[in-house]
Amino acid sequence: MPKAHDLSLEGKVAAVASDPGHHFSKPVQHRIVLVEGHGVQGDAHAGPFVRHRYLASRRPRLPNLRQVHLIPAELFASLSEAGFEVAAGDMGENITTTGLDLERMPLGTFIELGPSAIVELTGLRTPCVLIDRFRAGLKRQVLSSAETGPPFKSGVLGVVRSGGQVAAGDSARVRLPSSPFRPLPAL
């Protein structure tokens, strides 16, 4: 279990992406707008109720804990070493960060993005079969074999607690919860 002093609390936004359609990858944008309680303005996964196609077909009134998908750019470097070329937006994330250990953050962590946006982390993004359709064998690369740490590395999910514009180059600051450490659940 990581301790607060083990986690990097300052980072940057490397890229932002959104897509009004349900596609695996999202095109990179100059900026996105986060809307409190809703998600990324104009994105297919935004809304108060779950928008993930599989989950929405079974439980359409489930609260949307997947309004925003964040992924650390450092993952792309490790995937490249394994022979997979992946860039910002390719894995469906809305916000690509640098300098933050997103998957190691505790449940309830707040990520302050740019001048006013705040995302509360709700869980780990579970890699699905679509990841292998995007790049064959990629799912195996994001599954962790380590005894400690997150079970997979494909980013984190969260809900928008305060809205605002977010763009590449913006700051990304971590505010850890005051409650005892609870690992992010799989969503």
N, C-alpha and C. Protein backbone atom coordinates (compact mmCIF):
# COMPACT_ATOMS: atom_id res chain seq x y z
N MET A 1 0.84 -1.18 0.00
CA MET A 1 0.00 0.00 0.00
C MET A 1 0.89 1.24 0.00
N PRO A 2 0.78 2.11 -1.04
CA PRO A 2 1.64 3.29 -1.07
C PRO A 2 1.28 4.28 0.03
N LYS A 3 2.26 5.02 0.45
CA LYS A 3 2.05 6.09 1.42
C LYS A 3 2.06 7.40 0.65
N ALA A 4 1.46 8.43 1.25
CA ALA A 4 1.34 9.72 0.57
C ALA A 4 2.70 10.23 0.10
N HIS A 5 3.75 10.03 0.92
CA HIS A 5 5.06 10.55 0.53
C HIS A 5 5.69 9.75 -0.61
N ASP A 6 5.13 8.58 -0.94
CA ASP A 6 5.61 7.77 -2.05
C ASP A 6 4.99 8.18 -3.39
N LEU A 7 3.94 8.97 -3.36
CA LEU A 7 3.20 9.33 -4.56
C LEU A 7 3.59 10.72 -5.05
N SER A 8 3.73 10.86 -6.35
CA SER A 8 3.98 12.17 -6.93
C SER A 8 2.66 12.95 -6.91
N LEU A 9 2.70 14.16 -6.39
CA LEU A 9 1.47 14.95 -6.23
C LEU A 9 1.38 16.12 -7.21
N GLU A 10 2.39 16.28 -8.05
CA GLU A 10 2.41 17.36 -9.03
C GLU A 10 2.73 16.77 -10.40
N GLY A 11 1.93 17.12 -11.38
CA GLY A 11 2.18 16.66 -12.74
C GLY A 11 1.65 17.67 -13.73
N LYS A 12 1.51 17.22 -14.95
CA LYS A 12 1.03 18.08 -16.03
C LYS A 12 0.03 17.33 -16.89
N VAL A 13 -0.80 18.08 -17.58
CA VAL A 13 -1.68 17.51 -18.60
C VAL A 13 -0.87 17.48 -19.89
N ALA A 14 -0.71 16.29 -20.46
CA ALA A 14 0.06 16.13 -21.70
C ALA A 14 -0.83 16.29 -22.93
N ALA A 15 -2.08 15.84 -22.82
CA ALA A 15 -3.02 15.92 -23.95
C ALA A 15 -4.43 15.76 -23.43
N VAL A 16 -5.39 16.22 -24.23
CA VAL A 16 -6.81 16.02 -23.92
C VAL A 16 -7.50 15.50 -25.18
N ALA A 17 -8.55 14.70 -24.98
CA ALA A 17 -9.26 14.09 -26.11
C ALA A 17 -10.73 13.91 -25.77
N SER A 18 -11.56 13.91 -26.80
CA SER A 18 -12.98 13.62 -26.61
C SER A 18 -13.55 13.17 -27.95
N ASP A 19 -14.70 12.50 -27.86
CA ASP A 19 -15.36 12.00 -29.06
C ASP A 19 -16.85 11.87 -28.77
N PRO A 20 -17.70 12.44 -29.61
CA PRO A 20 -19.14 12.31 -29.39
C PRO A 20 -19.67 10.90 -29.68
N GLY A 21 -18.88 10.08 -30.39
CA GLY A 21 -19.30 8.72 -30.71
C GLY A 21 -18.63 7.70 -29.81
N HIS A 22 -19.21 6.52 -29.77
CA HIS A 22 -18.64 5.42 -28.96
C HIS A 22 -17.59 4.69 -29.79
N HIS A 23 -16.38 5.24 -29.81
CA HIS A 23 -15.26 4.62 -30.50
C HIS A 23 -14.21 4.28 -29.46
N PHE A 24 -13.35 3.31 -29.75
CA PHE A 24 -12.33 2.94 -28.78
C PHE A 24 -11.35 4.09 -28.55
N SER A 25 -10.84 4.67 -29.62
CA SER A 25 -9.90 5.79 -29.51
C SER A 25 -10.66 7.10 -29.62
N LYS A 26 -10.04 8.16 -29.05
CA LYS A 26 -10.64 9.49 -29.10
C LYS A 26 -9.64 10.45 -29.75
N PRO A 27 -10.11 11.33 -30.64
CA PRO A 27 -9.18 12.29 -31.24
C PRO A 27 -8.72 13.34 -30.23
N VAL A 28 -7.44 13.68 -30.31
CA VAL A 28 -6.87 14.72 -29.44
C VAL A 28 -7.47 16.06 -29.83
N GLN A 29 -7.76 16.86 -28.81
CA GLN A 29 -8.36 18.19 -28.99
C GLN A 29 -7.40 19.26 -28.45
N HIS A 30 -7.64 20.51 -28.81
CA HIS A 30 -6.84 21.61 -28.23
C HIS A 30 -7.21 21.82 -26.77
N ARG A 31 -8.49 21.63 -26.47
CA ARG A 31 -8.98 21.78 -25.09
C ARG A 31 -10.26 20.99 -24.96
N ILE A 32 -10.60 20.66 -23.73
CA ILE A 32 -11.90 20.06 -23.42
C ILE A 32 -12.51 20.86 -22.28
N VAL A 33 -13.81 20.73 -22.12
CA VAL A 33 -14.50 21.40 -21.02
C VAL A 33 -15.11 20.31 -20.14
N LEU A 34 -14.74 20.33 -18.86
CA LEU A 34 -15.33 19.42 -17.89
C LEU A 34 -16.54 20.10 -17.27
N VAL A 35 -17.64 19.35 -17.17
CA VAL A 35 -18.88 19.88 -16.63
C VAL A 35 -19.19 19.12 -15.34
N GLU A 36 -19.37 19.85 -14.25
CA GLU A 36 -19.60 19.25 -12.94
C GLU A 36 -20.77 18.26 -12.98
N GLY A 37 -20.51 17.05 -12.46
CA GLY A 37 -21.54 16.02 -12.38
C GLY A 37 -21.93 15.41 -13.72
N HIS A 38 -21.23 15.77 -14.78
CA HIS A 38 -21.62 15.34 -16.12
C HIS A 38 -20.47 14.66 -16.88
N GLY A 39 -19.29 15.27 -16.85
CA GLY A 39 -18.15 14.71 -17.57
C GLY A 39 -17.61 15.69 -18.58
N VAL A 40 -17.06 15.15 -19.67
CA VAL A 40 -16.46 15.97 -20.72
C VAL A 40 -17.55 16.41 -21.69
N GLN A 41 -17.70 17.71 -21.81
CA GLN A 41 -18.73 18.27 -22.70
C GLN A 41 -18.58 17.69 -24.11
N GLY A 42 -19.69 17.11 -24.61
CA GLY A 42 -19.70 16.57 -25.97
C GLY A 42 -19.13 15.17 -26.12
N ASP A 43 -18.68 14.56 -25.04
CA ASP A 43 -18.09 13.22 -25.12
C ASP A 43 -19.18 12.16 -24.94
N ALA A 44 -19.02 11.03 -25.61
CA ALA A 44 -20.02 9.94 -25.56
C ALA A 44 -20.21 9.38 -24.16
N HIS A 45 -19.20 9.50 -23.29
CA HIS A 45 -19.31 8.92 -21.95
C HIS A 45 -19.79 9.90 -20.89
N ALA A 46 -20.15 11.11 -21.29
CA ALA A 46 -20.63 12.12 -20.35
C ALA A 46 -22.08 11.87 -19.99
N GLY A 47 -22.45 12.25 -18.79
CA GLY A 47 -23.83 12.15 -18.33
C GLY A 47 -23.89 11.67 -16.90
N PRO A 48 -25.02 11.90 -16.25
CA PRO A 48 -25.15 11.50 -14.84
C PRO A 48 -25.31 9.99 -14.65
N PHE A 49 -25.77 9.30 -15.70
CA PHE A 49 -25.94 7.85 -15.62
C PHE A 49 -24.94 7.17 -16.54
N VAL A 50 -24.60 5.95 -16.21
CA VAL A 50 -23.57 5.20 -16.93
C VAL A 50 -23.81 5.23 -18.44
N ARG A 51 -22.71 5.48 -19.17
CA ARG A 51 -22.78 5.57 -20.64
C ARG A 51 -21.96 4.47 -21.31
N HIS A 52 -21.25 3.69 -20.51
CA HIS A 52 -20.50 2.55 -21.05
C HIS A 52 -21.54 1.62 -21.66
N ARG A 53 -21.38 1.28 -22.94
CA ARG A 53 -22.44 0.57 -23.66
C ARG A 53 -22.85 -0.74 -22.99
N TYR A 54 -21.90 -1.55 -22.56
CA TYR A 54 -22.22 -2.83 -21.93
C TYR A 54 -23.00 -2.62 -20.63
N LEU A 55 -22.49 -1.74 -19.78
CA LEU A 55 -23.15 -1.49 -18.49
C LEU A 55 -24.50 -0.80 -18.66
N ALA A 56 -24.58 0.16 -19.57
CA ALA A 56 -25.82 0.91 -19.78
C ALA A 56 -26.93 0.02 -20.32
N SER A 57 -26.58 -1.00 -21.09
CA SER A 57 -27.61 -1.89 -21.63
C SER A 57 -28.22 -2.76 -20.53
N ARG A 58 -27.49 -2.98 -19.45
CA ARG A 58 -28.00 -3.82 -18.36
C ARG A 58 -28.57 -3.03 -17.19
N ARG A 59 -27.94 -1.89 -16.89
CA ARG A 59 -28.37 -1.07 -15.74
C ARG A 59 -28.29 0.42 -16.11
N PRO A 60 -29.20 0.90 -16.94
CA PRO A 60 -29.11 2.26 -17.47
C PRO A 60 -29.21 3.38 -16.44
N ARG A 61 -29.72 3.13 -15.25
CA ARG A 61 -29.86 4.17 -14.23
C ARG A 61 -28.74 4.11 -13.20
N LEU A 62 -27.70 3.35 -13.47
CA LEU A 62 -26.53 3.28 -12.60
C LEU A 62 -25.80 4.62 -12.65
N PRO A 63 -25.39 5.17 -11.49
CA PRO A 63 -24.65 6.44 -11.53
C PRO A 63 -23.38 6.29 -12.37
N ASN A 64 -23.05 7.33 -13.10
CA ASN A 64 -21.89 7.32 -13.98
C ASN A 64 -20.62 7.63 -13.18
N LEU A 65 -19.87 6.59 -12.84
CA LEU A 65 -18.59 6.75 -12.15
C LEU A 65 -17.44 6.82 -13.16
N ARG A 66 -17.78 6.82 -14.46
CA ARG A 66 -16.80 6.79 -15.56
C ARG A 66 -16.92 8.03 -16.43
N GLN A 67 -17.16 9.18 -15.83
CA GLN A 67 -17.35 10.41 -16.61
C GLN A 67 -16.07 10.85 -17.32
N VAL A 68 -14.92 10.61 -16.69
CA VAL A 68 -13.64 11.04 -17.24
C VAL A 68 -12.65 9.89 -17.11
N HIS A 69 -11.89 9.64 -18.18
CA HIS A 69 -10.85 8.61 -18.18
C HIS A 69 -9.50 9.32 -18.27
N LEU A 70 -8.64 9.06 -17.29
CA LEU A 70 -7.30 9.64 -17.26
C LEU A 70 -6.28 8.51 -17.40
N ILE A 71 -5.19 8.78 -18.07
CA ILE A 71 -4.15 7.77 -18.25
C ILE A 71 -2.78 8.45 -18.17
N PRO A 72 -1.80 7.80 -17.53
CA PRO A 72 -0.46 8.40 -17.47
C PRO A 72 0.30 8.16 -18.78
N ALA A 73 0.90 9.21 -19.32
CA ALA A 73 1.68 9.09 -20.55
C ALA A 73 2.84 8.13 -20.38
N GLU A 74 3.31 7.95 -19.16
CA GLU A 74 4.43 7.03 -18.90
C GLU A 74 4.07 5.61 -19.33
N LEU A 75 2.79 5.26 -19.33
CA LEU A 75 2.36 3.94 -19.79
C LEU A 75 2.74 3.75 -21.25
N PHE A 76 2.63 4.78 -22.06
CA PHE A 76 2.93 4.66 -23.48
C PHE A 76 4.39 4.27 -23.71
N ALA A 77 5.29 4.80 -22.89
CA ALA A 77 6.71 4.46 -23.01
C ALA A 77 6.95 2.99 -22.70
N SER A 78 6.31 2.48 -21.64
CA SER A 78 6.50 1.07 -21.30
C SER A 78 5.86 0.16 -22.35
N LEU A 79 4.75 0.59 -22.92
CA LEU A 79 4.12 -0.21 -23.98
C LEU A 79 4.99 -0.19 -25.24
N SER A 80 5.64 0.93 -25.51
CA SER A 80 6.53 1.03 -26.66
C SER A 80 7.70 0.07 -26.53
N GLU A 81 8.23 -0.05 -25.31
CA GLU A 81 9.32 -1.00 -25.05
C GLU A 81 8.88 -2.43 -25.34
N ALA A 82 7.58 -2.70 -25.18
CA ALA A 82 7.04 -4.04 -25.44
C ALA A 82 6.59 -4.20 -26.90
N GLY A 83 6.81 -3.15 -27.72
CA GLY A 83 6.49 -3.24 -29.14
C GLY A 83 5.14 -2.70 -29.54
N PHE A 84 4.47 -1.97 -28.66
CA PHE A 84 3.16 -1.41 -28.96
C PHE A 84 3.25 0.11 -29.05
N GLU A 85 2.92 0.64 -30.21
CA GLU A 85 2.91 2.09 -30.38
C GLU A 85 1.52 2.61 -30.01
N VAL A 86 1.46 3.37 -28.94
CA VAL A 86 0.21 3.92 -28.44
C VAL A 86 0.46 5.40 -28.14
N ALA A 87 -0.46 6.25 -28.55
CA ALA A 87 -0.34 7.69 -28.33
C ALA A 87 -1.56 8.21 -27.58
N ALA A 88 -1.51 9.48 -27.20
CA ALA A 88 -2.60 10.13 -26.48
C ALA A 88 -3.92 9.94 -27.22
N GLY A 89 -4.95 9.56 -26.49
CA GLY A 89 -6.29 9.35 -27.04
C GLY A 89 -6.53 7.96 -27.59
N ASP A 90 -5.46 7.23 -27.90
CA ASP A 90 -5.60 5.91 -28.53
C ASP A 90 -6.35 4.90 -27.66
N MET A 91 -6.19 4.99 -26.34
CA MET A 91 -6.85 4.02 -25.45
C MET A 91 -8.16 4.55 -24.89
N GLY A 92 -8.67 5.60 -25.53
CA GLY A 92 -9.98 6.14 -25.17
C GLY A 92 -9.98 7.10 -24.01
N GLU A 93 -8.80 7.53 -23.57
CA GLU A 93 -8.75 8.44 -22.43
C GLU A 93 -9.09 9.87 -22.86
N ASN A 94 -9.62 10.61 -21.89
CA ASN A 94 -9.92 12.02 -22.10
C ASN A 94 -8.74 12.90 -21.73
N ILE A 95 -7.98 12.48 -20.72
CA ILE A 95 -6.87 13.30 -20.23
C ILE A 95 -5.64 12.41 -20.06
N THR A 96 -4.56 12.81 -20.71
CA THR A 96 -3.28 12.13 -20.57
C THR A 96 -2.41 13.01 -19.68
N THR A 97 -1.86 12.42 -18.62
CA THR A 97 -1.03 13.18 -17.68
C THR A 97 0.42 12.72 -17.75
N THR A 98 1.30 13.53 -17.20
CA THR A 98 2.68 13.14 -16.98
C THR A 98 3.01 13.43 -15.52
N GLY A 99 3.85 12.57 -14.95
CA GLY A 99 4.33 12.81 -13.59
C GLY A 99 3.45 12.32 -12.47
N LEU A 100 2.32 11.69 -12.76
CA LEU A 100 1.42 11.20 -11.70
C LEU A 100 1.29 9.69 -11.76
N ASP A 101 1.33 9.05 -10.63
CA ASP A 101 1.12 7.59 -10.52
C ASP A 101 -0.38 7.34 -10.35
N LEU A 102 -1.14 7.61 -11.38
CA LEU A 102 -2.60 7.59 -11.27
C LEU A 102 -3.15 6.30 -10.71
N GLU A 103 -2.69 5.14 -11.20
CA GLU A 103 -3.25 3.86 -10.78
C GLU A 103 -2.95 3.53 -9.31
N ARG A 104 -1.97 4.20 -8.73
CA ARG A 104 -1.60 3.95 -7.32
C ARG A 104 -2.30 4.89 -6.35
N MET A 105 -3.06 5.84 -6.87
CA MET A 105 -3.76 6.79 -6.00
C MET A 105 -4.90 6.09 -5.26
N PRO A 106 -5.22 6.55 -4.05
CA PRO A 106 -6.34 5.94 -3.32
C PRO A 106 -7.70 6.42 -3.83
N LEU A 107 -8.71 5.65 -3.52
CA LEU A 107 -10.08 6.01 -3.81
C LEU A 107 -10.39 7.35 -3.16
N GLY A 108 -11.06 8.22 -3.90
CA GLY A 108 -11.44 9.53 -3.36
C GLY A 108 -10.39 10.61 -3.56
N THR A 109 -9.31 10.31 -4.27
CA THR A 109 -8.30 11.32 -4.60
C THR A 109 -8.92 12.35 -5.54
N PHE A 110 -8.58 13.61 -5.32
CA PHE A 110 -9.00 14.69 -6.22
C PHE A 110 -7.81 15.09 -7.08
N ILE A 111 -8.05 15.19 -8.39
CA ILE A 111 -7.04 15.68 -9.31
C ILE A 111 -7.51 17.06 -9.78
N GLU A 112 -6.75 18.09 -9.44
CA GLU A 112 -7.06 19.46 -9.84
C GLU A 112 -6.37 19.71 -11.17
N LEU A 113 -7.14 20.06 -12.16
CA LEU A 113 -6.64 20.22 -13.53
C LEU A 113 -6.84 21.64 -14.01
N GLY A 114 -5.73 22.28 -14.41
CA GLY A 114 -5.84 23.64 -14.90
C GLY A 114 -6.31 24.58 -13.82
N PRO A 115 -6.92 25.69 -14.23
CA PRO A 115 -7.29 26.71 -13.25
C PRO A 115 -8.47 26.35 -12.34
N SER A 116 -9.39 25.45 -12.77
CA SER A 116 -10.59 25.26 -11.94
C SER A 116 -11.19 23.86 -11.92
N ALA A 117 -10.82 23.00 -12.84
CA ALA A 117 -11.46 21.68 -12.92
C ALA A 117 -10.93 20.73 -11.85
N ILE A 118 -11.83 19.92 -11.31
CA ILE A 118 -11.45 18.91 -10.32
C ILE A 118 -12.17 17.61 -10.65
N VAL A 119 -11.40 16.51 -10.72
CA VAL A 119 -11.94 15.17 -10.96
C VAL A 119 -11.66 14.33 -9.73
N GLU A 120 -12.69 13.66 -9.21
CA GLU A 120 -12.52 12.72 -8.10
C GLU A 120 -12.37 11.31 -8.67
N LEU A 121 -11.30 10.62 -8.29
CA LEU A 121 -11.06 9.28 -8.80
C LEU A 121 -12.02 8.28 -8.16
N THR A 122 -12.63 7.46 -9.02
CA THR A 122 -13.63 6.47 -8.57
C THR A 122 -13.20 5.03 -8.81
N GLY A 123 -12.21 4.81 -9.68
CA GLY A 123 -11.79 3.43 -9.92
C GLY A 123 -10.77 3.29 -11.02
N LEU A 124 -10.29 2.07 -11.16
CA LEU A 124 -9.36 1.70 -12.22
C LEU A 124 -10.16 1.34 -13.46
N ARG A 125 -9.67 1.73 -14.59
CA ARG A 125 -10.33 1.32 -15.83
C ARG A 125 -9.98 -0.15 -16.08
N THR A 126 -11.00 -0.95 -16.25
CA THR A 126 -10.82 -2.37 -16.53
C THR A 126 -10.58 -2.54 -18.03
N PRO A 127 -9.46 -3.17 -18.41
CA PRO A 127 -9.24 -3.39 -19.84
C PRO A 127 -10.22 -4.44 -20.37
N CYS A 128 -10.88 -4.14 -21.46
CA CYS A 128 -11.87 -5.05 -22.04
C CYS A 128 -11.34 -5.66 -23.33
N VAL A 129 -12.13 -6.48 -23.97
CA VAL A 129 -11.75 -7.17 -25.20
C VAL A 129 -11.41 -6.18 -26.33
N LEU A 130 -11.98 -4.99 -26.28
CA LEU A 130 -11.72 -4.00 -27.33
C LEU A 130 -10.25 -3.58 -27.38
N ILE A 131 -9.56 -3.68 -26.27
CA ILE A 131 -8.16 -3.29 -26.25
C ILE A 131 -7.32 -4.18 -27.17
N ASP A 132 -7.68 -5.46 -27.25
CA ASP A 132 -6.97 -6.37 -28.16
C ASP A 132 -7.42 -6.18 -29.60
N ARG A 133 -8.62 -5.69 -29.82
CA ARG A 133 -9.04 -5.36 -31.19
C ARG A 133 -8.28 -4.15 -31.70
N PHE A 134 -7.96 -3.25 -30.78
CA PHE A 134 -7.18 -2.06 -31.13
C PHE A 134 -5.73 -2.45 -31.47
N ARG A 135 -5.10 -3.23 -30.61
CA ARG A 135 -3.75 -3.76 -30.83
C ARG A 135 -3.71 -5.17 -30.25
N ALA A 136 -3.59 -6.17 -31.09
CA ALA A 136 -3.56 -7.57 -30.65
C ALA A 136 -2.46 -7.78 -29.62
N GLY A 137 -2.83 -8.36 -28.48
CA GLY A 137 -1.89 -8.65 -27.40
C GLY A 137 -1.71 -7.54 -26.39
N LEU A 138 -2.33 -6.39 -26.63
CA LEU A 138 -2.16 -5.24 -25.73
C LEU A 138 -2.76 -5.49 -24.35
N LYS A 139 -3.87 -6.22 -24.29
CA LYS A 139 -4.51 -6.46 -23.00
C LYS A 139 -3.55 -7.16 -22.04
N ARG A 140 -2.82 -8.12 -22.53
CA ARG A 140 -1.86 -8.85 -21.69
C ARG A 140 -0.80 -7.89 -21.15
N GLN A 141 -0.42 -6.88 -21.92
CA GLN A 141 0.60 -5.93 -21.50
C GLN A 141 0.12 -5.00 -20.38
N VAL A 142 -1.18 -4.75 -20.30
CA VAL A 142 -1.68 -3.84 -19.26
C VAL A 142 -2.15 -4.57 -18.02
N LEU A 143 -2.13 -5.90 -18.04
CA LEU A 143 -2.43 -6.68 -16.85
C LEU A 143 -1.17 -6.79 -16.02
N SER A 144 -1.28 -6.57 -14.72
CA SER A 144 -0.11 -6.59 -13.85
C SER A 144 0.09 -7.98 -13.26
N SER A 145 1.34 -8.39 -13.23
CA SER A 145 1.66 -9.67 -12.59
C SER A 145 2.26 -9.44 -11.21
N ALA A 146 2.40 -8.19 -10.82
CA ALA A 146 2.98 -7.86 -9.52
C ALA A 146 2.04 -8.20 -8.39
N GLU A 147 2.62 -8.60 -7.27
CA GLU A 147 1.83 -8.93 -6.07
C GLU A 147 1.23 -7.66 -5.45
N THR A 148 1.95 -6.56 -5.59
CA THR A 148 1.48 -5.30 -5.03
C THR A 148 1.16 -4.34 -6.17
N GLY A 149 0.39 -3.35 -5.88
CA GLY A 149 0.04 -2.37 -6.89
C GLY A 149 -1.26 -2.73 -7.59
N PRO A 150 -1.63 -1.94 -8.59
CA PRO A 150 -2.91 -2.16 -9.27
C PRO A 150 -2.89 -3.43 -10.11
N PRO A 151 -4.06 -4.07 -10.27
CA PRO A 151 -4.12 -5.31 -11.06
C PRO A 151 -3.96 -5.07 -12.56
N PHE A 152 -4.18 -3.86 -13.01
CA PHE A 152 -3.97 -3.52 -14.42
C PHE A 152 -3.61 -2.06 -14.54
N LYS A 153 -3.03 -1.74 -15.69
CA LYS A 153 -2.55 -0.39 -15.95
C LYS A 153 -3.15 0.11 -17.26
N SER A 154 -4.37 0.60 -17.18
CA SER A 154 -4.99 1.20 -18.36
C SER A 154 -5.72 2.48 -17.98
N GLY A 155 -5.23 3.12 -16.93
CA GLY A 155 -5.78 4.40 -16.51
C GLY A 155 -6.77 4.30 -15.38
N VAL A 156 -7.31 5.46 -15.04
CA VAL A 156 -8.27 5.58 -13.95
C VAL A 156 -9.50 6.32 -14.46
N LEU A 157 -10.57 6.17 -13.70
CA LEU A 157 -11.84 6.82 -14.04
C LEU A 157 -12.24 7.74 -12.90
N GLY A 158 -13.04 8.73 -13.23
CA GLY A 158 -13.46 9.66 -12.20
C GLY A 158 -14.71 10.42 -12.60
N VAL A 159 -15.18 11.21 -11.63
CA VAL A 159 -16.34 12.07 -11.83
C VAL A 159 -15.89 13.52 -11.66
N VAL A 160 -16.55 14.42 -12.38
CA VAL A 160 -16.21 15.84 -12.33
C VAL A 160 -16.88 16.47 -11.11
N ARG A 161 -16.06 16.99 -10.21
CA ARG A 161 -16.57 17.67 -9.01
C ARG A 161 -16.60 19.18 -9.17
N SER A 162 -15.77 19.70 -10.09
CA SER A 162 -15.77 21.12 -10.40
C SER A 162 -15.39 21.26 -11.87
N GLY A 163 -16.15 22.03 -12.60
CA GLY A 163 -15.94 22.15 -14.03
C GLY A 163 -14.89 23.16 -14.42
N GLY A 164 -14.55 23.13 -15.69
CA GLY A 164 -13.60 24.10 -16.23
C GLY A 164 -12.92 23.56 -17.47
N GLN A 165 -12.18 24.42 -18.13
CA GLN A 165 -11.44 24.03 -19.32
C GLN A 165 -10.13 23.35 -18.92
N VAL A 166 -9.73 22.38 -19.72
CA VAL A 166 -8.47 21.68 -19.51
C VAL A 166 -7.78 21.56 -20.86
N ALA A 167 -6.47 21.84 -20.88
CA ALA A 167 -5.69 21.78 -22.11
C ALA A 167 -4.31 21.23 -21.82
N ALA A 168 -3.64 20.77 -22.86
CA ALA A 168 -2.26 20.31 -22.71
C ALA A 168 -1.43 21.44 -22.14
N GLY A 169 -0.53 21.09 -21.21
CA GLY A 169 0.33 22.07 -20.55
C GLY A 169 -0.21 22.54 -19.21
N ASP A 170 -1.51 22.30 -18.96
CA ASP A 170 -2.09 22.68 -17.66
C ASP A 170 -1.47 21.86 -16.54
N SER A 171 -1.54 22.40 -15.35
CA SER A 171 -1.06 21.66 -14.18
C SER A 171 -2.05 20.56 -13.81
N ALA A 172 -1.54 19.52 -13.17
CA ALA A 172 -2.36 18.43 -12.64
C ALA A 172 -1.86 18.18 -11.22
N ARG A 173 -2.64 18.59 -10.24
CA ARG A 173 -2.23 18.51 -8.84
C ARG A 173 -3.11 17.51 -8.10
N VAL A 174 -2.51 16.74 -7.24
CA VAL A 174 -3.22 15.70 -6.49
C VAL A 174 -3.55 16.20 -5.10
N ARG A 175 -4.78 15.95 -4.69
CA ARG A 175 -5.22 16.20 -3.31
C ARG A 175 -5.70 14.86 -2.77
N LEU A 176 -4.92 14.28 -1.87
CA LEU A 176 -5.25 12.96 -1.33
C LEU A 176 -6.37 13.07 -0.30
N PRO A 177 -7.20 12.02 -0.17
CA PRO A 177 -8.27 12.05 0.82
C PRO A 177 -7.69 11.95 2.23
N SER A 178 -8.42 12.48 3.20
CA SER A 178 -7.98 12.40 4.60
C SER A 178 -8.31 11.05 5.22
N SER A 179 -9.20 10.30 4.59
CA SER A 179 -9.58 8.98 5.10
C SER A 179 -8.46 7.97 4.88
N PRO A 180 -8.51 6.82 5.56
CA PRO A 180 -7.48 5.79 5.36
C PRO A 180 -7.42 5.35 3.90
N PHE A 181 -6.22 4.93 3.49
CA PHE A 181 -5.99 4.51 2.11
C PHE A 181 -6.89 3.34 1.74
N ARG A 182 -7.64 3.50 0.66
CA ARG A 182 -8.42 2.41 0.06
C ARG A 182 -8.06 2.36 -1.41
N PRO A 183 -7.59 1.22 -1.90
CA PRO A 183 -7.21 1.16 -3.32
C PRO A 183 -8.40 1.40 -4.23
N LEU A 184 -8.10 1.88 -5.42
CA LEU A 184 -9.14 2.10 -6.42
C LEU A 184 -9.72 0.76 -6.84
N PRO A 185 -11.05 0.63 -6.85
CA PRO A 185 -11.67 -0.61 -7.32
C PRO A 185 -11.69 -0.68 -8.85
N ALA A 186 -11.84 -1.87 -9.37
CA ALA A 186 -11.99 -2.04 -10.82
C ALA A 186 -13.38 -1.59 -11.23
N LEU A 187 -13.46 -0.79 -12.28
CA LEU A 187 -14.77 -0.34 -12.80
C LEU A 187 -14.95 -0.81 -14.22
